[in-house]
């Protein structure tokens, strides 16, 4: 309840700032008035539209821009390495290693795969286990993707809000023969600049990046599931051959 209320109050403040009369100012690249209309409007809308956990995950997703702090990339590398270790341990009969992976694997998908392998799950049971994992990931990262897509749409829209209100002030000042035209021009021009830049350079790319990482993770889950199914099938075939 607190988050939507904060979002509503932020949007109300954006409206007051956008419609307020500006003091005389020179036209410059940095304009706090225009910046608040754009960024305050985007933040207020996000607070209204999505929950706190999704907002926190959006902020965390910014770490994915740097390889040294990328959580998803690191987990994908750990999963790929763990998959090779699990395949080798199973074929060499090192069940204790698989058990340790199931208990203390470096990633959740590795622990699920190791547990499924120990239980020798197959068919619909194995599909159900990984389907739940896929659903969890899609729910978790889907909200982040949706949030960044909102940023890419809303930032240019609030930029236009700043442009319209700036032009209204500009024409009003011209009608009153006022010398305060620089501030109105800054509001009209820089609000659009901030909005387009934020949407095109941050919102859109971040949405695409997180979506691509989610697809990579889902592909890796599919590979894990196929590997487990193949190892279980090999084991059963060997047991059948030994019985004969």
C-alpha atoms as a PDB file:
ATOM      1  CA  UNK A   1       0.000   0.000   0.000  1.00  0.00           C
ATOM      2  CA  UNK A   2       2.875   2.401   0.788  1.00  0.00           C
ATOM      3  CA  UNK A   3       4.547   1.993  -2.613  1.00  0.00           C
ATOM      4  CA  UNK A   4       1.503   3.005  -4.730  1.00  0.00           C
ATOM      5  CA  UNK A   5       0.872   5.952  -2.386  1.00  0.00           C
ATOM      6  CA  UNK A   6       4.446   7.152  -2.850  1.00  0.00           C
ATOM      7  CA  UNK A   7       4.007   6.797  -6.593  1.00  0.00           C
ATOM      8  CA  UNK A   8       0.818   8.867  -6.554  1.00  0.00           C
ATOM      9  CA  UNK A   9       2.406  11.598  -4.429  1.00  0.00           C
ATOM     10  CA  UNK A  10       5.418  11.670  -6.764  1.00  0.00           C
ATOM     11  CA  UNK A  11       3.194  12.122  -9.823  1.00  0.00           C
ATOM     12  CA  UNK A  12       1.288  14.930  -8.075  1.00  0.00           C
ATOM     13  CA  UNK A  13       4.599  16.663  -7.344  1.00  0.00           C
ATOM     14  CA  UNK A  14       5.596  16.221 -10.998  1.00  0.00           C
ATOM     15  CA  UNK A  15       2.384  17.934 -12.042  1.00  0.00           C
ATOM     16  CA  UNK A  16       3.011  20.898  -9.736  1.00  0.00           C
ATOM     17  CA  UNK A  17       6.601  21.254 -10.923  1.00  0.00           C
ATOM     18  CA  UNK A  18       5.618  21.020 -14.581  1.00  0.00           C
ATOM     19  CA  UNK A  19       2.953  23.733 -14.231  1.00  0.00           C
ATOM     20  CA  UNK A  20       4.864  26.027 -11.871  1.00  0.00           C
ATOM     21  CA  UNK A  21       6.304  29.304 -13.070  1.00  0.00           C
ATOM     22  CA  UNK A  22      10.077  29.275 -13.432  1.00  0.00           C
ATOM     23  CA  UNK A  23      12.496  31.938 -12.397  1.00  0.00           C
ATOM     24  CA  UNK A  24      14.744  33.499 -14.983  1.00  0.00           C
ATOM     25  CA  UNK A  25      17.344  30.985 -16.088  1.00  0.00           C
ATOM     26  CA  UNK A  26      19.829  30.491 -18.852  1.00  0.00           C
ATOM     27  CA  UNK A  27      19.346  27.697 -21.328  1.00  0.00           C
ATOM     28  CA  UNK A  28      21.789  24.947 -20.356  1.00  0.00           C
ATOM     29  CA  UNK A  29      22.269  21.244 -20.808  1.00  0.00           C
ATOM     30  CA  UNK A  30      21.453  20.414 -17.173  1.00  0.00           C
ATOM     31  CA  UNK A  31      18.018  21.499 -16.007  1.00  0.00           C
ATOM     32  CA  UNK A  32      16.704  20.162 -12.653  1.00  0.00           C
ATOM     33  CA  UNK A  33      13.179  21.321 -13.485  1.00  0.00           C
ATOM     34  CA  UNK A  34      12.949  19.264 -16.678  1.00  0.00           C
ATOM     35  CA  UNK A  35      14.838  16.349 -15.132  1.00  0.00           C
ATOM     36  CA  UNK A  36      12.367  16.084 -12.253  1.00  0.00           C
ATOM     37  CA  UNK A  37       9.401  16.031 -14.625  1.00  0.00           C
ATOM     38  CA  UNK A  38      10.897  13.155 -16.628  1.00  0.00           C
ATOM     39  CA  UNK A  39      12.592  11.052 -13.951  1.00  0.00           C
ATOM     40  CA  UNK A  40      10.057  11.827 -11.236  1.00  0.00           C
ATOM     41  CA  UNK A  41       7.241  10.902 -13.597  1.00  0.00           C
ATOM     42  CA  UNK A  42       8.889   7.609 -14.562  1.00  0.00           C
ATOM     43  CA  UNK A  43       9.658   6.684 -10.942  1.00  0.00           C
ATOM     44  CA  UNK A  44       6.165   7.613  -9.781  1.00  0.00           C
ATOM     45  CA  UNK A  45       4.577   5.502 -12.521  1.00  0.00           C
ATOM     46  CA  UNK A  46       6.785   2.524 -11.670  1.00  0.00           C
ATOM     47  CA  UNK A  47       5.845   2.809  -7.997  1.00  0.00           C
ATOM     48  CA  UNK A  48       2.190   2.732  -8.984  1.00  0.00           C
ATOM     49  CA  UNK A  49       2.494  -0.094 -11.497  1.00  0.00           C
ATOM     50  CA  UNK A  50       4.833  -2.718  -9.997  1.00  0.00           C
ATOM     51  CA  UNK A  51       5.633  -4.020  -6.525  1.00  0.00           C
ATOM     52  CA  UNK A  52       8.690  -3.349  -4.385  1.00  0.00           C
ATOM     53  CA  UNK A  53      10.342  -6.675  -5.146  1.00  0.00           C
ATOM     54  CA  UNK A  54      10.195  -6.029  -8.882  1.00  0.00           C
ATOM     55  CA  UNK A  55      11.620  -2.525  -8.361  1.00  0.00           C
ATOM     56  CA  UNK A  56      14.468  -3.957  -6.321  1.00  0.00           C
ATOM     57  CA  UNK A  57      15.172  -6.549  -8.998  1.00  0.00           C
ATOM     58  CA  UNK A  58      15.207  -3.782 -11.606  1.00  0.00           C
ATOM     59  CA  UNK A  59      17.903  -1.987  -9.645  1.00  0.00           C
ATOM     60  CA  UNK A  60      19.815  -5.238  -9.196  1.00  0.00           C
ATOM     61  CA  UNK A  61      19.635  -5.913 -12.932  1.00  0.00           C
ATOM     62  CA  UNK A  62      21.817  -2.842 -13.519  1.00  0.00           C
ATOM     63  CA  UNK A  63      24.701  -4.959 -12.212  1.00  0.00           C
ATOM     64  CA  UNK A  64      24.393  -7.048 -15.366  1.00  0.00           C
ATOM     65  CA  UNK A  65      25.931  -4.164 -17.330  1.00  0.00           C
ATOM     66  CA  UNK A  66      29.357  -4.980 -15.850  1.00  0.00           C
ATOM     67  CA  UNK A  67      30.837  -8.467 -16.357  1.00  0.00           C
ATOM     68  CA  UNK A  68      32.532  -8.320 -12.951  1.00  0.00           C
ATOM     69  CA  UNK A  69      29.211  -7.849 -11.120  1.00  0.00           C
ATOM     70  CA  UNK A  70      26.878  -9.808 -13.406  1.00  0.00           C
ATOM     71  CA  UNK A  71      25.010 -12.358 -11.288  1.00  0.00           C
ATOM     72  CA  UNK A  72      23.163 -14.080 -14.117  1.00  0.00           C
ATOM     73  CA  UNK A  73      26.262 -14.524 -16.262  1.00  0.00           C
ATOM     74  CA  UNK A  74      28.230 -15.896 -13.322  1.00  0.00           C
ATOM     75  CA  UNK A  75      25.459 -18.348 -12.426  1.00  0.00           C
ATOM     76  CA  UNK A  76      25.213 -19.519 -16.041  1.00  0.00           C
ATOM     77  CA  UNK A  77      28.962 -20.217 -16.097  1.00  0.00           C
ATOM     78  CA  UNK A  78      28.708 -22.070 -12.773  1.00  0.00           C
ATOM     79  CA  UNK A  79      25.771 -24.112 -14.061  1.00  0.00           C
ATOM     80  CA  UNK A  80      27.603 -25.057 -17.267  1.00  0.00           C
ATOM     81  CA  UNK A  81      30.654 -26.183 -15.287  1.00  0.00           C
ATOM     82  CA  UNK A  82      28.508 -28.045 -12.764  1.00  0.00           C
ATOM     83  CA  UNK A  83      26.689 -29.822 -15.573  1.00  0.00           C
ATOM     84  CA  UNK A  84      29.947 -31.252 -16.906  1.00  0.00           C
ATOM     85  CA  UNK A  85      30.995 -32.306 -13.398  1.00  0.00           C
ATOM     86  CA  UNK A  86      27.629 -33.945 -12.788  1.00  0.00           C
ATOM     87  CA  UNK A  87      27.746 -35.852 -16.075  1.00  0.00           C
ATOM     88  CA  UNK A  88      31.233 -37.154 -15.355  1.00  0.00           C
ATOM     89  CA  UNK A  89      30.451 -38.074 -11.730  1.00  0.00           C
ATOM     90  CA  UNK A  90      27.330 -40.001 -12.734  1.00  0.00           C
ATOM     91  CA  UNK A  91      29.061 -42.018 -15.425  1.00  0.00           C
ATOM     92  CA  UNK A  92      31.953 -42.780 -13.089  1.00  0.00           C
ATOM     93  CA  UNK A  93      29.584 -43.941 -10.378  1.00  0.00           C
ATOM     94  CA  UNK A  94      30.454 -41.160  -7.893  1.00  0.00           C
ATOM     95  CA  UNK A  95      27.018 -40.889  -6.306  1.00  0.00           C
ATOM     96  CA  UNK A  96      28.417 -38.987  -3.314  1.00  0.00           C
ATOM     97  CA  UNK A  97      29.396 -36.116  -5.619  1.00  0.00           C
ATOM     98  CA  UNK A  98      25.886 -35.984  -7.066  1.00  0.00           C
ATOM     99  CA  UNK A  99      24.443 -36.008  -3.555  1.00  0.00           C
ATOM    100  CA  UNK A 100      26.670 -33.096  -2.579  1.00  0.00           C
ATOM    101  CA  UNK A 101      25.501 -31.169  -5.657  1.00  0.00           C
ATOM    102  CA  UNK A 102      21.887 -31.786  -4.705  1.00  0.00           C
ATOM    103  CA  UNK A 103      22.525 -30.401  -1.204  1.00  0.00           C
ATOM    104  CA  UNK A 104      25.043 -27.633  -1.856  1.00  0.00           C
ATOM    105  CA  UNK A 105      25.118 -26.968  -5.579  1.00  0.00           C
ATOM    106  CA  UNK A 106      26.305 -23.532  -6.680  1.00  0.00           C
ATOM    107  CA  UNK A 107      22.993 -22.727  -8.442  1.00  0.00           C
ATOM    108  CA  UNK A 108      19.371 -23.679  -7.899  1.00  0.00           C
ATOM    109  CA  UNK A 109      19.040 -25.405 -11.256  1.00  0.00           C
ATOM    110  CA  UNK A 110      22.082 -27.564 -10.506  1.00  0.00           C
ATOM    111  CA  UNK A 111      20.574 -28.658  -7.190  1.00  0.00           C
ATOM    112  CA  UNK A 112      17.266 -29.493  -8.884  1.00  0.00           C
ATOM    113  CA  UNK A 113      19.014 -31.424 -11.660  1.00  0.00           C
ATOM    114  CA  UNK A 114      21.205 -33.385  -9.237  1.00  0.00           C
ATOM    115  CA  UNK A 115      18.219 -34.285  -7.072  1.00  0.00           C
ATOM    116  CA  UNK A 116      16.237 -35.404 -10.119  1.00  0.00           C
ATOM    117  CA  UNK A 117      19.185 -37.505 -11.256  1.00  0.00           C
ATOM    118  CA  UNK A 118      19.543 -39.199  -7.879  1.00  0.00           C
ATOM    119  CA  UNK A 119      15.832 -39.995  -7.896  1.00  0.00           C
ATOM    120  CA  UNK A 120      16.152 -41.086 -11.554  1.00  0.00           C
ATOM    121  CA  UNK A 121      13.119 -39.060 -12.531  1.00  0.00           C
ATOM    122  CA  UNK A 122      11.935 -39.237 -16.130  1.00  0.00           C
ATOM    123  CA  UNK A 123       8.972 -38.442 -18.324  1.00  0.00           C
ATOM    124  CA  UNK A 124       6.185 -36.275 -16.933  1.00  0.00           C
ATOM    125  CA  UNK A 125       7.698 -36.207 -13.427  1.00  0.00           C
ATOM    126  CA  UNK A 126      10.958 -34.753 -14.706  1.00  0.00           C
ATOM    127  CA  UNK A 127       9.106 -32.305 -16.951  1.00  0.00           C
ATOM    128  CA  UNK A 128       7.034 -31.111 -14.011  1.00  0.00           C
ATOM    129  CA  UNK A 129      10.115 -30.503 -11.859  1.00  0.00           C
ATOM    130  CA  UNK A 130      11.802 -28.318 -14.488  1.00  0.00           C
ATOM    131  CA  UNK A 131       8.541 -26.683 -15.588  1.00  0.00           C
ATOM    132  CA  UNK A 132       8.146 -25.291 -12.076  1.00  0.00           C
ATOM    133  CA  UNK A 133      11.677 -23.936 -12.188  1.00  0.00           C
ATOM    134  CA  UNK A 134      11.077 -22.304 -15.577  1.00  0.00           C
ATOM    135  CA  UNK A 135       7.849 -20.775 -14.307  1.00  0.00           C
ATOM    136  CA  UNK A 136       9.640 -19.293 -11.292  1.00  0.00           C
ATOM    137  CA  UNK A 137      12.332 -17.719 -13.460  1.00  0.00           C
ATOM    138  CA  UNK A 138       9.817 -16.309 -15.946  1.00  0.00           C
ATOM    139  CA  UNK A 139       7.779 -14.809 -13.107  1.00  0.00           C
ATOM    140  CA  UNK A 140      10.858 -13.320 -11.443  1.00  0.00           C
ATOM    141  CA  UNK A 141      12.518 -11.824 -14.497  1.00  0.00           C
ATOM    142  CA  UNK A 142       9.305 -11.120 -16.408  1.00  0.00           C
ATOM    143  CA  UNK A 143       8.450  -8.311 -13.973  1.00  0.00           C
ATOM    144  CA  UNK A 144      11.920  -6.816 -14.459  1.00  0.00           C
ATOM    145  CA  UNK A 145      11.569  -6.924 -18.251  1.00  0.00           C
ATOM    146  CA  UNK A 146       8.126  -5.338 -18.024  1.00  0.00           C
ATOM    147  CA  UNK A 147       9.499  -2.602 -15.751  1.00  0.00           C
ATOM    148  CA  UNK A 148      12.290  -1.645 -18.140  1.00  0.00           C
ATOM    149  CA  UNK A 149       9.845  -1.710 -21.055  1.00  0.00           C
ATOM    150  CA  UNK A 150       7.717   0.744 -19.078  1.00  0.00           C
ATOM    151  CA  UNK A 151      10.756   2.998 -18.675  1.00  0.00           C
ATOM    152  CA  UNK A 152      11.375   2.923 -22.432  1.00  0.00           C
ATOM    153  CA  UNK A 153       7.757   3.950 -23.073  1.00  0.00           C
ATOM    154  CA  UNK A 154       7.173   6.377 -20.202  1.00  0.00           C
ATOM    155  CA  UNK A 155      10.388   8.420 -20.370  1.00  0.00           C
ATOM    156  CA  UNK A 156       9.650   9.886 -23.843  1.00  0.00           C
ATOM    157  CA  UNK A 157       6.012  10.428 -22.788  1.00  0.00           C
ATOM    158  CA  UNK A 158       6.993  12.479 -19.743  1.00  0.00           C
ATOM    159  CA  UNK A 159       9.508  14.255 -21.944  1.00  0.00           C
ATOM    160  CA  UNK A 160       6.580  15.373 -24.077  1.00  0.00           C
ATOM    161  CA  UNK A 161       4.749  16.485 -20.922  1.00  0.00           C
ATOM    162  CA  UNK A 162       7.711  18.722 -20.135  1.00  0.00           C
ATOM    163  CA  UNK A 163       7.769  19.970 -23.708  1.00  0.00           C
ATOM    164  CA  UNK A 164       4.077  20.901 -23.737  1.00  0.00           C
ATOM    165  CA  UNK A 165       4.188  22.668 -20.369  1.00  0.00           C
ATOM    166  CA  UNK A 166       7.404  24.448 -21.375  1.00  0.00           C
ATOM    167  CA  UNK A 167       5.820  25.688 -24.597  1.00  0.00           C
ATOM    168  CA  UNK A 168       2.763  26.895 -22.680  1.00  0.00           C
ATOM    169  CA  UNK A 169       5.022  28.896 -20.370  1.00  0.00           C
ATOM    170  CA  UNK A 170       7.008  30.164 -23.352  1.00  0.00           C
ATOM    171  CA  UNK A 171       3.947  31.504 -25.156  1.00  0.00           C
ATOM    172  CA  UNK A 172       2.560  32.981 -21.947  1.00  0.00           C
ATOM    173  CA  UNK A 173       5.818  34.803 -21.293  1.00  0.00           C
ATOM    174  CA  UNK A 174       5.862  36.056 -24.876  1.00  0.00           C
ATOM    175  CA  UNK A 175       2.288  37.339 -24.497  1.00  0.00           C
ATOM    176  CA  UNK A 176       3.274  39.143 -21.299  1.00  0.00           C
ATOM    177  CA  UNK A 177       6.385  40.532 -22.957  1.00  0.00           C
ATOM    178  CA  UNK A 178       8.520  38.876 -20.311  1.00  0.00           C
ATOM    179  CA  UNK A 179      12.251  38.369 -20.585  1.00  0.00           C
ATOM    180  CA  UNK A 180      12.099  34.932 -18.904  1.00  0.00           C
ATOM    181  CA  UNK A 181      12.143  32.899 -22.105  1.00  0.00           C
ATOM    182  CA  UNK A 182      15.313  30.887 -21.452  1.00  0.00           C
ATOM    183  CA  UNK A 183      13.774  28.860 -18.616  1.00  0.00           C
ATOM    184  CA  UNK A 184      10.702  27.986 -20.660  1.00  0.00           C
ATOM    185  CA  UNK A 185      12.825  26.971 -23.637  1.00  0.00           C
ATOM    186  CA  UNK A 186      14.970  24.782 -21.374  1.00  0.00           C
ATOM    187  CA  UNK A 187      11.853  23.056 -20.072  1.00  0.00           C
ATOM    188  CA  UNK A 188      10.506  22.509 -23.571  1.00  0.00           C
ATOM    189  CA  UNK A 189      13.698  21.251 -25.170  1.00  0.00           C
ATOM    190  CA  UNK A 190      15.576  19.436 -22.415  1.00  0.00           C
ATOM    191  CA  UNK A 191      12.564  17.489 -21.126  1.00  0.00           C
ATOM    192  CA  UNK A 192      12.246  15.851 -24.541  1.00  0.00           C
ATOM    193  CA  UNK A 193      15.997  15.232 -24.645  1.00  0.00           C
ATOM    194  CA  UNK A 194      16.013  13.596 -21.209  1.00  0.00           C
ATOM    195  CA  UNK A 195      12.956  11.494 -21.998  1.00  0.00           C
ATOM    196  CA  UNK A 196      14.159  10.180 -25.344  1.00  0.00           C
ATOM    197  CA  UNK A 197      17.668   9.527 -24.029  1.00  0.00           C
ATOM    198  CA  UNK A 198      16.398   7.633 -20.977  1.00  0.00           C
ATOM    199  CA  UNK A 199      13.994   5.505 -22.997  1.00  0.00           C
ATOM    200  CA  UNK A 200      16.362   4.768 -25.871  1.00  0.00           C
ATOM    201  CA  UNK A 201      19.638   4.431 -23.958  1.00  0.00           C
ATOM    202  CA  UNK A 202      18.492   2.794 -20.712  1.00  0.00           C
ATOM    203  CA  UNK A 203      14.951   1.400 -20.726  1.00  0.00           C
ATOM    204  CA  UNK A 204      14.989  -0.347 -24.095  1.00  0.00           C
ATOM    205  CA  UNK A 205      18.514  -1.832 -23.884  1.00  0.00           C
ATOM    206  CA  UNK A 206      18.019  -3.030 -20.284  1.00  0.00           C
ATOM    207  CA  UNK A 207      14.744  -4.715 -21.223  1.00  0.00           C
ATOM    208  CA  UNK A 208      16.416  -6.493 -24.146  1.00  0.00           C
ATOM    209  CA  UNK A 209      19.448  -7.469 -22.054  1.00  0.00           C
ATOM    210  CA  UNK A 210      17.436  -9.027 -19.228  1.00  0.00           C
ATOM    211  CA  UNK A 211      15.155 -10.746 -21.750  1.00  0.00           C
ATOM    212  CA  UNK A 212      18.154 -12.258 -23.552  1.00  0.00           C
ATOM    213  CA  UNK A 213      19.642 -13.446 -20.266  1.00  0.00           C
ATOM    214  CA  UNK A 214      16.320 -15.003 -19.298  1.00  0.00           C
ATOM    215  CA  UNK A 215      16.181 -16.827 -22.643  1.00  0.00           C
ATOM    216  CA  UNK A 216      19.748 -18.060 -22.134  1.00  0.00           C
ATOM    217  CA  UNK A 217      18.826 -19.333 -18.692  1.00  0.00           C
ATOM    218  CA  UNK A 218      15.714 -21.106 -19.978  1.00  0.00           C
ATOM    219  CA  UNK A 219      17.798 -22.698 -22.736  1.00  0.00           C
ATOM    220  CA  UNK A 220      20.273 -23.871 -20.109  1.00  0.00           C
ATOM    221  CA  UNK A 221      17.419 -25.370 -18.081  1.00  0.00           C
ATOM    222  CA  UNK A 222      16.284 -27.273 -21.158  1.00  0.00           C
ATOM    223  CA  UNK A 223      19.811 -28.609 -21.629  1.00  0.00           C
ATOM    224  CA  UNK A 224      19.936 -29.683 -17.971  1.00  0.00           C
ATOM    225  CA  UNK A 225      16.624 -31.492 -18.294  1.00  0.00           C
ATOM    226  CA  UNK A 226      17.735 -33.312 -21.446  1.00  0.00           C
ATOM    227  CA  UNK A 227      21.033 -34.253 -19.808  1.00  0.00           C
ATOM    228  CA  UNK A 228      19.298 -35.700 -16.752  1.00  0.00           C
ATOM    229  CA  UNK A 229      16.878 -37.621 -18.969  1.00  0.00           C
ATOM    230  CA  UNK A 230      19.755 -38.966 -21.045  1.00  0.00           C
ATOM    231  CA  UNK A 231      21.804 -40.055 -18.013  1.00  0.00           C
ATOM    232  CA  UNK A 232      18.798 -41.771 -16.430  1.00  0.00           C
ATOM    233  CA  UNK A 233      18.120 -43.542 -19.721  1.00  0.00           C
ATOM    234  CA  UNK A 234      21.754 -44.680 -19.947  1.00  0.00           C
ATOM    235  CA  UNK A 235      21.673 -45.972 -16.388  1.00  0.00           C
ATOM    236  CA  UNK A 236      18.485 -47.937 -16.947  1.00  0.00           C
ATOM    237  CA  UNK A 237      19.837 -49.378 -20.183  1.00  0.00           C
ATOM    238  CA  UNK A 238      22.982 -50.535 -18.375  1.00  0.00           C
ATOM    239  CA  UNK A 239      20.929 -52.077 -15.589  1.00  0.00           C
ATOM    240  CA  UNK A 240      18.787 -53.898 -18.136  1.00  0.00           C
ATOM    241  CA  UNK A 241      21.883 -55.158 -19.971  1.00  0.00           C
ATOM    242  CA  UNK A 242      23.445 -56.346 -16.703  1.00  0.00           C
ATOM    243  CA  UNK A 243      20.267 -58.198 -15.765  1.00  0.00           C
ATOM    244  CA  UNK A 244      20.333 -60.028 -19.065  1.00  0.00           C
END
